[in-house]
């Protein structure tokens, strides 16, 4: 049984986070700190090399689940950060398939759940300049302490190497769900039916068979649930555009790779290569190790272009 939300009464949602009178408040704070430390401590044995330049944009599809699994493993290795007093020795982070949330902090015996994380990997150099993740779980399925975490990653040498992480996006899952609906009904401009069917009788940590997804009455473009299009992640994404990979800003790598993927001729691809080389050379008057590294990567891309041509 579902109830239809009323788009005529706009109430902007607010975050209702755990307070310090909750028994596990310090655990919650420490877990958030551990998530922020992921880029420092993340290690993986996954190594990618020899991938065709035109296939680079598929990396999130190929490696996304692997990255997420290894993020969970890293969180468990960071136990000293989120459980410094060993008060939660019987608890660990575990993944669960096809059920919200993706990750639970759960007791090994007895199954007591303390918090959940909806975890999404984001290949930072994908064609789209924003995470394509869709989050449709209804707000009632989220406990106050539950989080949605987006982990951006790239290969260490841009076109090869092992994945490295950057600062994750962390938000209250309950707030994200509520704001997603608010934006859908009251912020975006559309002539379509803005109603949303919200499942009734939902509680946190549902089973796989529970109906927990909010469903829009009209969504011809399939955009409902795309958090990056609500404006919620805007300042975060802008900050990542300025992150440098081998001496070149992320936004420039993305622009280049998009052109490289969509080029219909060798001449267009080589023009894109020359343009990016000029950006590297203009970035500094004195050749730096980072600039030399970037130029070496571009030479490898030129070789890959020869192979795919």
C-alpha atoms as a PDB file:
ATOM      1  CA  UNK A   1       0.000   0.000   0.000  1.00  0.00           C
ATOM      2  CA  UNK A   2       1.323   3.438  -0.930  1.00  0.00           C
ATOM      3  CA  UNK A   3       0.438   7.011  -0.219  1.00  0.00           C
ATOM      4  CA  UNK A   4       0.839   9.902  -2.624  1.00  0.00           C
ATOM      5  CA  UNK A   5       2.948  12.791  -1.410  1.00  0.00           C
ATOM      6  CA  UNK A   6       1.438  16.226  -1.817  1.00  0.00           C
ATOM      7  CA  UNK A   7       3.492  18.526  -4.080  1.00  0.00           C
ATOM      8  CA  UNK A   8       1.357  21.543  -3.140  1.00  0.00           C
ATOM      9  CA  UNK A   9       2.839  22.008   0.332  1.00  0.00           C
ATOM     10  CA  UNK A  10       6.553  22.790   0.006  1.00  0.00           C
ATOM     11  CA  UNK A  11       8.488  22.088   3.170  1.00  0.00           C
ATOM     12  CA  UNK A  12      12.219  22.142   2.739  1.00  0.00           C
ATOM     13  CA  UNK A  13      13.698  19.211   4.674  1.00  0.00           C
ATOM     14  CA  UNK A  14      16.281  19.615   7.407  1.00  0.00           C
ATOM     15  CA  UNK A  15      18.907  17.179   8.628  1.00  0.00           C
ATOM     16  CA  UNK A  16      17.958  15.230  11.730  1.00  0.00           C
ATOM     17  CA  UNK A  17      21.256  13.726  12.821  1.00  0.00           C
ATOM     18  CA  UNK A  18      22.051  11.588  15.862  1.00  0.00           C
ATOM     19  CA  UNK A  19      22.495  13.586  19.055  1.00  0.00           C
ATOM     20  CA  UNK A  20      25.008  13.036  21.829  1.00  0.00           C
ATOM     21  CA  UNK A  21      22.410  11.340  24.034  1.00  0.00           C
ATOM     22  CA  UNK A  22      22.338   8.351  21.654  1.00  0.00           C
ATOM     23  CA  UNK A  23      24.314   5.430  23.106  1.00  0.00           C
ATOM     24  CA  UNK A  24      26.415   5.072  19.957  1.00  0.00           C
ATOM     25  CA  UNK A  25      26.895   8.754  19.155  1.00  0.00           C
ATOM     26  CA  UNK A  26      30.692   8.643  19.494  1.00  0.00           C
ATOM     27  CA  UNK A  27      30.812   5.590  17.242  1.00  0.00           C
ATOM     28  CA  UNK A  28      28.812   7.491  14.630  1.00  0.00           C
ATOM     29  CA  UNK A  29      31.205  10.449  14.772  1.00  0.00           C
ATOM     30  CA  UNK A  30      34.256   8.189  14.590  1.00  0.00           C
ATOM     31  CA  UNK A  31      32.890   6.248  11.616  1.00  0.00           C
ATOM     32  CA  UNK A  32      32.393   9.511   9.727  1.00  0.00           C
ATOM     33  CA  UNK A  33      35.995  10.419  10.538  1.00  0.00           C
ATOM     34  CA  UNK A  34      37.188   7.010   9.308  1.00  0.00           C
ATOM     35  CA  UNK A  35      35.312   7.513   6.029  1.00  0.00           C
ATOM     36  CA  UNK A  36      37.133  10.805   5.559  1.00  0.00           C
ATOM     37  CA  UNK A  37      40.439   8.958   6.018  1.00  0.00           C
ATOM     38  CA  UNK A  38      39.737   6.390   3.294  1.00  0.00           C
ATOM     39  CA  UNK A  39      41.925   8.073   0.628  1.00  0.00           C
ATOM     40  CA  UNK A  40      44.938   7.867   2.956  1.00  0.00           C
ATOM     41  CA  UNK A  41      44.600   4.223   3.944  1.00  0.00           C
ATOM     42  CA  UNK A  42      42.946   2.636   0.909  1.00  0.00           C
ATOM     43  CA  UNK A  43      45.058  -0.153  -0.592  1.00  0.00           C
ATOM     44  CA  UNK A  44      44.208  -2.581  -3.356  1.00  0.00           C
ATOM     45  CA  UNK A  45      45.932  -5.319  -5.311  1.00  0.00           C
ATOM     46  CA  UNK A  46      43.899  -4.431  -8.386  1.00  0.00           C
ATOM     47  CA  UNK A  47      46.132  -3.163 -11.206  1.00  0.00           C
ATOM     48  CA  UNK A  48      44.954  -2.080 -14.642  1.00  0.00           C
ATOM     49  CA  UNK A  49      47.156  -1.682 -17.708  1.00  0.00           C
ATOM     50  CA  UNK A  50      46.842  -1.904 -21.471  1.00  0.00           C
ATOM     51  CA  UNK A  51      43.195  -0.822 -21.597  1.00  0.00           C
ATOM     52  CA  UNK A  52      42.225   0.783 -24.891  1.00  0.00           C
ATOM     53  CA  UNK A  53      41.857   4.547 -24.664  1.00  0.00           C
ATOM     54  CA  UNK A  54      38.318   4.362 -26.041  1.00  0.00           C
ATOM     55  CA  UNK A  55      37.334   1.995 -23.204  1.00  0.00           C
ATOM     56  CA  UNK A  56      38.537   4.131 -20.288  1.00  0.00           C
ATOM     57  CA  UNK A  57      35.029   5.484 -19.657  1.00  0.00           C
ATOM     58  CA  UNK A  58      33.797   1.942 -18.874  1.00  0.00           C
ATOM     59  CA  UNK A  59      36.022   1.564 -15.814  1.00  0.00           C
ATOM     60  CA  UNK A  60      33.269   2.292 -13.291  1.00  0.00           C
ATOM     61  CA  UNK A  61      31.183  -0.528 -14.754  1.00  0.00           C
ATOM     62  CA  UNK A  62      34.156  -2.893 -14.753  1.00  0.00           C
ATOM     63  CA  UNK A  63      35.657  -1.989 -11.365  1.00  0.00           C
ATOM     64  CA  UNK A  64      32.861  -0.244  -9.435  1.00  0.00           C
ATOM     65  CA  UNK A  65      31.788  -3.260  -7.355  1.00  0.00           C
ATOM     66  CA  UNK A  66      35.416  -4.215  -6.674  1.00  0.00           C
ATOM     67  CA  UNK A  67      36.232  -0.712  -5.420  1.00  0.00           C
ATOM     68  CA  UNK A  68      33.195  -0.728  -3.121  1.00  0.00           C
ATOM     69  CA  UNK A  69      34.141  -4.138  -1.711  1.00  0.00           C
ATOM     70  CA  UNK A  70      37.660  -2.923  -0.989  1.00  0.00           C
ATOM     71  CA  UNK A  71      36.357   0.259   0.641  1.00  0.00           C
ATOM     72  CA  UNK A  72      34.436  -1.915   3.109  1.00  0.00           C
ATOM     73  CA  UNK A  73      37.577  -3.956   3.760  1.00  0.00           C
ATOM     74  CA  UNK A  74      39.515  -0.735   4.406  1.00  0.00           C
ATOM     75  CA  UNK A  75      36.885   0.486   6.884  1.00  0.00           C
ATOM     76  CA  UNK A  76      37.304  -2.720   8.855  1.00  0.00           C
ATOM     77  CA  UNK A  77      41.079  -2.260   8.794  1.00  0.00           C
ATOM     78  CA  UNK A  78      40.527   1.233  10.244  1.00  0.00           C
ATOM     79  CA  UNK A  79      38.901  -0.224  13.347  1.00  0.00           C
ATOM     80  CA  UNK A  80      41.334   1.671  15.596  1.00  0.00           C
ATOM     81  CA  UNK A  81      39.844   4.888  14.230  1.00  0.00           C
ATOM     82  CA  UNK A  82      36.173   4.123  14.823  1.00  0.00           C
ATOM     83  CA  UNK A  83      36.591   1.808  17.821  1.00  0.00           C
ATOM     84  CA  UNK A  84      39.674   3.054  19.698  1.00  0.00           C
ATOM     85  CA  UNK A  85      38.477   1.626  23.034  1.00  0.00           C
ATOM     86  CA  UNK A  86      37.533  -1.759  21.527  1.00  0.00           C
ATOM     87  CA  UNK A  87      33.963  -1.317  22.693  1.00  0.00           C
ATOM     88  CA  UNK A  88      32.656  -2.806  19.421  1.00  0.00           C
ATOM     89  CA  UNK A  89      34.991  -5.768  18.997  1.00  0.00           C
ATOM     90  CA  UNK A  90      32.071  -7.995  18.009  1.00  0.00           C
ATOM     91  CA  UNK A  91      30.932  -5.671  15.208  1.00  0.00           C
ATOM     92  CA  UNK A  92      32.195  -5.246  11.652  1.00  0.00           C
ATOM     93  CA  UNK A  93      31.161  -3.675   8.357  1.00  0.00           C
ATOM     94  CA  UNK A  94      29.553  -6.166   5.972  1.00  0.00           C
ATOM     95  CA  UNK A  95      28.137  -5.787   2.468  1.00  0.00           C
ATOM     96  CA  UNK A  96      24.705  -7.069   1.542  1.00  0.00           C
ATOM     97  CA  UNK A  97      23.597  -7.645  -2.029  1.00  0.00           C
ATOM     98  CA  UNK A  98      20.548  -5.964  -3.579  1.00  0.00           C
ATOM     99  CA  UNK A  99      19.265  -4.587  -0.289  1.00  0.00           C
ATOM    100  CA  UNK A 100      19.321  -1.107   1.190  1.00  0.00           C
ATOM    101  CA  UNK A 101      21.709  -0.067   2.600  1.00  0.00           C
ATOM    102  CA  UNK A 102      24.684  -1.617   0.799  1.00  0.00           C
ATOM    103  CA  UNK A 103      26.795  -1.826   3.958  1.00  0.00           C
ATOM    104  CA  UNK A 104      25.855  -2.556   7.567  1.00  0.00           C
ATOM    105  CA  UNK A 105      27.817  -2.157  10.790  1.00  0.00           C
ATOM    106  CA  UNK A 106      26.485  -5.296  12.394  1.00  0.00           C
ATOM    107  CA  UNK A 107      27.200  -7.617  15.284  1.00  0.00           C
ATOM    108  CA  UNK A 108      28.673 -10.917  14.145  1.00  0.00           C
ATOM    109  CA  UNK A 109      26.360 -12.969  16.327  1.00  0.00           C
ATOM    110  CA  UNK A 110      22.783 -11.914  16.837  1.00  0.00           C
ATOM    111  CA  UNK A 111      22.720  -9.554  13.878  1.00  0.00           C
ATOM    112  CA  UNK A 112      22.226  -6.293  15.830  1.00  0.00           C
ATOM    113  CA  UNK A 113      22.670  -3.376  13.407  1.00  0.00           C
ATOM    114  CA  UNK A 114      24.144  -0.066  14.585  1.00  0.00           C
ATOM    115  CA  UNK A 115      24.228   1.885  11.314  1.00  0.00           C
ATOM    116  CA  UNK A 116      24.119   1.533   7.555  1.00  0.00           C
ATOM    117  CA  UNK A 117      25.965   3.047   4.600  1.00  0.00           C
ATOM    118  CA  UNK A 118      24.688   3.316   1.040  1.00  0.00           C
ATOM    119  CA  UNK A 119      28.051   3.140  -0.726  1.00  0.00           C
ATOM    120  CA  UNK A 120      28.648   4.218  -4.325  1.00  0.00           C
ATOM    121  CA  UNK A 121      31.887   4.371  -6.289  1.00  0.00           C
ATOM    122  CA  UNK A 122      32.392   7.168  -8.838  1.00  0.00           C
ATOM    123  CA  UNK A 123      34.999   6.970 -11.585  1.00  0.00           C
ATOM    124  CA  UNK A 124      36.082  10.584 -11.613  1.00  0.00           C
ATOM    125  CA  UNK A 125      36.984  10.694 -15.304  1.00  0.00           C
ATOM    126  CA  UNK A 126      33.775   9.168 -16.653  1.00  0.00           C
ATOM    127  CA  UNK A 127      32.086  10.868 -19.618  1.00  0.00           C
ATOM    128  CA  UNK A 128      29.549  12.536 -17.351  1.00  0.00           C
ATOM    129  CA  UNK A 129      31.012  15.188 -15.071  1.00  0.00           C
ATOM    130  CA  UNK A 130      28.780  13.978 -12.241  1.00  0.00           C
ATOM    131  CA  UNK A 131      28.054  10.702 -10.435  1.00  0.00           C
ATOM    132  CA  UNK A 132      25.401   8.737 -12.300  1.00  0.00           C
ATOM    133  CA  UNK A 133      24.201   6.950  -9.154  1.00  0.00           C
ATOM    134  CA  UNK A 134      20.468   6.761  -8.485  1.00  0.00           C
ATOM    135  CA  UNK A 135      19.206   6.770  -4.914  1.00  0.00           C
ATOM    136  CA  UNK A 136      15.482   5.978  -4.696  1.00  0.00           C
ATOM    137  CA  UNK A 137      15.052   4.535  -1.209  1.00  0.00           C
ATOM    138  CA  UNK A 138      12.318   6.245   0.780  1.00  0.00           C
ATOM    139  CA  UNK A 139      13.318   8.368   3.768  1.00  0.00           C
ATOM    140  CA  UNK A 140      11.500   6.073   6.222  1.00  0.00           C
ATOM    141  CA  UNK A 141      13.892   3.239   5.302  1.00  0.00           C
ATOM    142  CA  UNK A 142      16.789   5.284   6.710  1.00  0.00           C
ATOM    143  CA  UNK A 143      17.798   5.565  10.346  1.00  0.00           C
ATOM    144  CA  UNK A 144      19.149   8.932  11.502  1.00  0.00           C
ATOM    145  CA  UNK A 145      22.668   7.531  11.654  1.00  0.00           C
ATOM    146  CA  UNK A 146      22.602   6.013   8.153  1.00  0.00           C
ATOM    147  CA  UNK A 147      24.821   7.616   5.518  1.00  0.00           C
ATOM    148  CA  UNK A 148      25.096   7.825   1.768  1.00  0.00           C
ATOM    149  CA  UNK A 149      28.757   7.843   0.753  1.00  0.00           C
ATOM    150  CA  UNK A 150      30.095   8.497  -2.746  1.00  0.00           C
ATOM    151  CA  UNK A 151      33.743   7.511  -3.212  1.00  0.00           C
ATOM    152  CA  UNK A 152      35.512   9.097  -6.220  1.00  0.00           C
ATOM    153  CA  UNK A 153      38.438   7.190  -7.705  1.00  0.00           C
ATOM    154  CA  UNK A 154      40.841   7.109 -10.647  1.00  0.00           C
ATOM    155  CA  UNK A 155      43.767   4.973 -11.722  1.00  0.00           C
ATOM    156  CA  UNK A 156      47.054   6.114 -10.198  1.00  0.00           C
ATOM    157  CA  UNK A 157      48.597   6.930 -13.589  1.00  0.00           C
ATOM    158  CA  UNK A 158      45.293   8.096 -15.087  1.00  0.00           C
ATOM    159  CA  UNK A 159      45.234   5.461 -17.852  1.00  0.00           C
ATOM    160  CA  UNK A 160      46.875   2.635 -15.876  1.00  0.00           C
ATOM    161  CA  UNK A 161      47.875   1.581 -12.386  1.00  0.00           C
ATOM    162  CA  UNK A 162      45.928   0.801  -9.212  1.00  0.00           C
ATOM    163  CA  UNK A 163      42.821   2.744  -8.144  1.00  0.00           C
ATOM    164  CA  UNK A 164      43.336   5.642  -5.747  1.00  0.00           C
ATOM    165  CA  UNK A 165      40.580   7.430  -3.833  1.00  0.00           C
ATOM    166  CA  UNK A 166      39.720  11.072  -3.230  1.00  0.00           C
ATOM    167  CA  UNK A 167      37.693  12.777  -0.531  1.00  0.00           C
ATOM    168  CA  UNK A 168      34.298  11.036  -0.289  1.00  0.00           C
ATOM    169  CA  UNK A 169      30.960  12.804  -0.354  1.00  0.00           C
ATOM    170  CA  UNK A 170      29.147  11.994   2.903  1.00  0.00           C
ATOM    171  CA  UNK A 171      25.532  12.882   3.632  1.00  0.00           C
ATOM    172  CA  UNK A 172      22.686  11.735   5.851  1.00  0.00           C
ATOM    173  CA  UNK A 173      20.777   9.117   3.832  1.00  0.00           C
ATOM    174  CA  UNK A 174      17.473  10.218   5.381  1.00  0.00           C
ATOM    175  CA  UNK A 175      18.105  13.847   4.430  1.00  0.00           C
ATOM    176  CA  UNK A 176      19.258  12.903   0.925  1.00  0.00           C
ATOM    177  CA  UNK A 177      16.033  10.962   0.332  1.00  0.00           C
ATOM    178  CA  UNK A 178      13.865  13.784   1.672  1.00  0.00           C
ATOM    179  CA  UNK A 179      15.696  16.502  -0.270  1.00  0.00           C
ATOM    180  CA  UNK A 180      15.588  14.417  -3.476  1.00  0.00           C
ATOM    181  CA  UNK A 181      11.777  14.390  -3.263  1.00  0.00           C
ATOM    182  CA  UNK A 182      11.631  18.072  -2.345  1.00  0.00           C
ATOM    183  CA  UNK A 183      13.755  18.997  -5.355  1.00  0.00           C
ATOM    184  CA  UNK A 184      11.698  16.765  -7.657  1.00  0.00           C
ATOM    185  CA  UNK A 185       8.438  18.398  -6.625  1.00  0.00           C
ATOM    186  CA  UNK A 186       9.283  21.980  -5.717  1.00  0.00           C
ATOM    187  CA  UNK A 187      12.594  23.073  -7.242  1.00  0.00           C
ATOM    188  CA  UNK A 188      12.899  21.712 -10.763  1.00  0.00           C
ATOM    189  CA  UNK A 189      10.739  23.181 -13.499  1.00  0.00           C
ATOM    190  CA  UNK A 190       8.477  20.821 -15.371  1.00  0.00           C
ATOM    191  CA  UNK A 191       4.956  20.508 -16.727  1.00  0.00           C
ATOM    192  CA  UNK A 192       4.828  16.813 -15.921  1.00  0.00           C
ATOM    193  CA  UNK A 193       3.004  15.274 -12.980  1.00  0.00           C
ATOM    194  CA  UNK A 194       5.313  15.919 -10.008  1.00  0.00           C
ATOM    195  CA  UNK A 195       3.641  13.436  -7.653  1.00  0.00           C
ATOM    196  CA  UNK A 196       5.607  10.666  -5.959  1.00  0.00           C
ATOM    197  CA  UNK A 197       4.253   7.381  -4.634  1.00  0.00           C
ATOM    198  CA  UNK A 198       5.783   6.711  -1.240  1.00  0.00           C
ATOM    199  CA  UNK A 199       5.590   3.176   0.218  1.00  0.00           C
ATOM    200  CA  UNK A 200       3.845   2.861   3.574  1.00  0.00           C
ATOM    201  CA  UNK A 201       4.866   0.782   6.581  1.00  0.00           C
ATOM    202  CA  UNK A 202       8.597   1.085   5.916  1.00  0.00           C
ATOM    203  CA  UNK A 203      11.214   0.934   8.686  1.00  0.00           C
ATOM    204  CA  UNK A 204      15.025   1.067   8.716  1.00  0.00           C
ATOM    205  CA  UNK A 205      17.027  -1.975   7.621  1.00  0.00           C
ATOM    206  CA  UNK A 206      14.378  -3.575   5.424  1.00  0.00           C
ATOM    207  CA  UNK A 207      14.538  -7.085   3.999  1.00  0.00           C
ATOM    208  CA  UNK A 208      15.170  -7.781   0.332  1.00  0.00           C
ATOM    209  CA  UNK A 209      11.463  -8.375  -0.310  1.00  0.00           C
ATOM    210  CA  UNK A 210      10.268  -5.091   1.240  1.00  0.00           C
ATOM    211  CA  UNK A 211       9.028  -2.357  -1.100  1.00  0.00           C
ATOM    212  CA  UNK A 212      11.084   0.687  -0.127  1.00  0.00           C
ATOM    213  CA  UNK A 213      11.499   2.761  -3.297  1.00  0.00           C
ATOM    214  CA  UNK A 214       9.819   6.117  -3.897  1.00  0.00           C
ATOM    215  CA  UNK A 215       8.349   6.125  -7.402  1.00  0.00           C
ATOM    216  CA  UNK A 216       7.591   9.285  -9.403  1.00  0.00           C
ATOM    217  CA  UNK A 217       4.330   9.451 -11.343  1.00  0.00           C
ATOM    218  CA  UNK A 218       6.189  10.738 -14.402  1.00  0.00           C
ATOM    219  CA  UNK A 219       9.884  10.289 -15.188  1.00  0.00           C
ATOM    220  CA  UNK A 220      10.376  10.085 -18.926  1.00  0.00           C
ATOM    221  CA  UNK A 221      14.116  10.798 -18.665  1.00  0.00           C
ATOM    222  CA  UNK A 222      14.772   8.307 -15.865  1.00  0.00           C
ATOM    223  CA  UNK A 223      16.319  11.036 -13.718  1.00  0.00           C
ATOM    224  CA  UNK A 224      14.525  10.490 -10.426  1.00  0.00           C
ATOM    225  CA  UNK A 225      17.058   9.594  -7.736  1.00  0.00           C
ATOM    226  CA  UNK A 226      20.052  11.223  -9.417  1.00  0.00           C
ATOM    227  CA  UNK A 227      21.397  13.119  -6.418  1.00  0.00           C
ATOM    228  CA  UNK A 228      23.991  14.979  -8.457  1.00  0.00           C
ATOM    229  CA  UNK A 229      21.181  16.722 -10.347  1.00  0.00           C
ATOM    230  CA  UNK A 230      19.500  18.072  -7.232  1.00  0.00           C
ATOM    231  CA  UNK A 231      22.322  20.543  -6.534  1.00  0.00           C
ATOM    232  CA  UNK A 232      23.153  18.691  -3.329  1.00  0.00           C
ATOM    233  CA  UNK A 233      26.631  17.751  -4.570  1.00  0.00           C
ATOM    234  CA  UNK A 234      27.423  20.889  -6.566  1.00  0.00           C
ATOM    235  CA  UNK A 235      30.110  22.496  -4.379  1.00  0.00           C
ATOM    236  CA  UNK A 236      31.672  19.073  -3.740  1.00  0.00           C
ATOM    237  CA  UNK A 237      31.975  18.321  -7.466  1.00  0.00           C
ATOM    238  CA  UNK A 238      33.414  21.772  -8.184  1.00  0.00           C
ATOM    239  CA  UNK A 239      36.122  21.158  -5.602  1.00  0.00           C
ATOM    240  CA  UNK A 240      37.075  17.853  -7.224  1.00  0.00           C
ATOM    241  CA  UNK A 241      37.390  19.543 -10.626  1.00  0.00           C
ATOM    242  CA  UNK A 242      40.437  21.379  -9.265  1.00  0.00           C
ATOM    243  CA  UNK A 243      42.153  18.244  -7.959  1.00  0.00           C
ATOM    244  CA  UNK A 244      45.355  17.603  -9.891  1.00  0.00           C
ATOM    245  CA  UNK A 245      46.176  14.221 -11.401  1.00  0.00           C
ATOM    246  CA  UNK A 246      49.826  14.061 -12.454  1.00  0.00           C
ATOM    247  CA  UNK A 247      49.922  17.847 -12.605  1.00  0.00           C
ATOM    248  CA  UNK A 248      46.732  18.323 -14.647  1.00  0.00           C
ATOM    249  CA  UNK A 249      43.356  19.343 -13.198  1.00  0.00           C
ATOM    250  CA  UNK A 250      40.677  16.680 -13.194  1.00  0.00           C
ATOM    251  CA  UNK A 251      38.368  18.829 -15.294  1.00  0.00           C
ATOM    252  CA  UNK A 252      40.997  19.012 -18.072  1.00  0.00           C
ATOM    253  CA  UNK A 253      41.560  15.251 -18.052  1.00  0.00           C
ATOM    254  CA  UNK A 254      37.819  14.699 -18.278  1.00  0.00           C
ATOM    255  CA  UNK A 255      37.385  17.153 -21.152  1.00  0.00           C
ATOM    256  CA  UNK A 256      40.262  15.527 -23.001  1.00  0.00           C
ATOM    257  CA  UNK A 257      39.107  11.942 -22.498  1.00  0.00           C
ATOM    258  CA  UNK A 258      35.565  12.833 -23.550  1.00  0.00           C
ATOM    259  CA  UNK A 259      36.895  14.285 -26.797  1.00  0.00           C
ATOM    260  CA  UNK A 260      39.196  11.317 -27.222  1.00  0.00           C
ATOM    261  CA  UNK A 261      36.313   8.865 -26.821  1.00  0.00           C
ATOM    262  CA  UNK A 262      33.940  10.678 -29.118  1.00  0.00           C
ATOM    263  CA  UNK A 263      36.444  11.536 -31.886  1.00  0.00           C
ATOM    264  CA  UNK A 264      35.472  10.122 -35.232  1.00  0.00           C
ATOM    265  CA  UNK A 265      38.868  10.672 -36.831  1.00  0.00           C
ATOM    266  CA  UNK A 266      42.502  10.264 -35.855  1.00  0.00           C
ATOM    267  CA  UNK A 267      43.041  13.949 -36.623  1.00  0.00           C
ATOM    268  CA  UNK A 268      40.487  15.032 -33.997  1.00  0.00           C
ATOM    269  CA  UNK A 269      42.017  12.765 -31.363  1.00  0.00           C
ATOM    270  CA  UNK A 270      45.517  14.037 -32.081  1.00  0.00           C
ATOM    271  CA  UNK A 271      44.288  17.632 -31.912  1.00  0.00           C
ATOM    272  CA  UNK A 272      42.918  16.891 -28.429  1.00  0.00           C
ATOM    273  CA  UNK A 273      46.276  15.399 -27.425  1.00  0.00           C
ATOM    274  CA  UNK A 274      48.169  18.458 -28.638  1.00  0.00           C
ATOM    275  CA  UNK A 275      45.775  20.777 -26.786  1.00  0.00           C
ATOM    276  CA  UNK A 276      46.300  18.949 -23.501  1.00  0.00           C
ATOM    277  CA  UNK A 277      50.082  18.897 -24.001  1.00  0.00           C
ATOM    278  CA  UNK A 278      49.972  22.684 -24.369  1.00  0.00           C
ATOM    279  CA  UNK A 279      48.053  22.963 -21.085  1.00  0.00           C
ATOM    280  CA  UNK A 280      50.732  20.923 -19.341  1.00  0.00           C
ATOM    281  CA  UNK A 281      53.535  23.024 -20.792  1.00  0.00           C
ATOM    282  CA  UNK A 282      51.782  26.287 -19.940  1.00  0.00           C
ATOM    283  CA  UNK A 283      51.199  25.217 -16.331  1.00  0.00           C
ATOM    284  CA  UNK A 284      54.843  25.757 -15.450  1.00  0.00           C
ATOM    285  CA  UNK A 285      57.856  27.379 -17.073  1.00  0.00           C
ATOM    286  CA  UNK A 286      60.219  24.864 -15.490  1.00  0.00           C
ATOM    287  CA  UNK A 287      59.494  21.196 -16.279  1.00  0.00           C
ATOM    288  CA  UNK A 288      58.409  19.577 -13.021  1.00  0.00           C
ATOM    289  CA  UNK A 289      58.262  15.853 -12.188  1.00  0.00           C
ATOM    290  CA  UNK A 290      54.447  16.064 -12.339  1.00  0.00           C
ATOM    291  CA  UNK A 291      54.557  17.732 -15.751  1.00  0.00           C
ATOM    292  CA  UNK A 292      56.990  15.101 -17.023  1.00  0.00           C
ATOM    293  CA  UNK A 293      54.689  12.394 -15.663  1.00  0.00           C
ATOM    294  CA  UNK A 294      51.703  13.944 -17.439  1.00  0.00           C
ATOM    295  CA  UNK A 295      53.601  14.152 -20.737  1.00  0.00           C
ATOM    296  CA  UNK A 296      54.609  10.492 -20.404  1.00  0.00           C
ATOM    297  CA  UNK A 297      50.947   9.562 -19.937  1.00  0.00           C
ATOM    298  CA  UNK A 298      50.011  11.536 -23.039  1.00  0.00           C
ATOM    299  CA  UNK A 299      52.682   9.708 -25.014  1.00  0.00           C
ATOM    300  CA  UNK A 300      51.137   6.419 -23.858  1.00  0.00           C
ATOM    301  CA  UNK A 301      47.707   7.649 -24.938  1.00  0.00           C
ATOM    302  CA  UNK A 302      49.174   8.484 -28.346  1.00  0.00           C
ATOM    303  CA  UNK A 303      50.462   4.933 -28.560  1.00  0.00           C
ATOM    304  CA  UNK A 304      47.036   3.589 -27.631  1.00  0.00           C
ATOM    305  CA  UNK A 305      45.517   5.793 -30.316  1.00  0.00           C
ATOM    306  CA  UNK A 306      47.825   4.142 -32.851  1.00  0.00           C
ATOM    307  CA  UNK A 307      46.628   0.742 -31.646  1.00  0.00           C
ATOM    308  CA  UNK A 308      42.936   1.612 -31.940  1.00  0.00           C
ATOM    309  CA  UNK A 309      43.295   3.460 -35.225  1.00  0.00           C
END
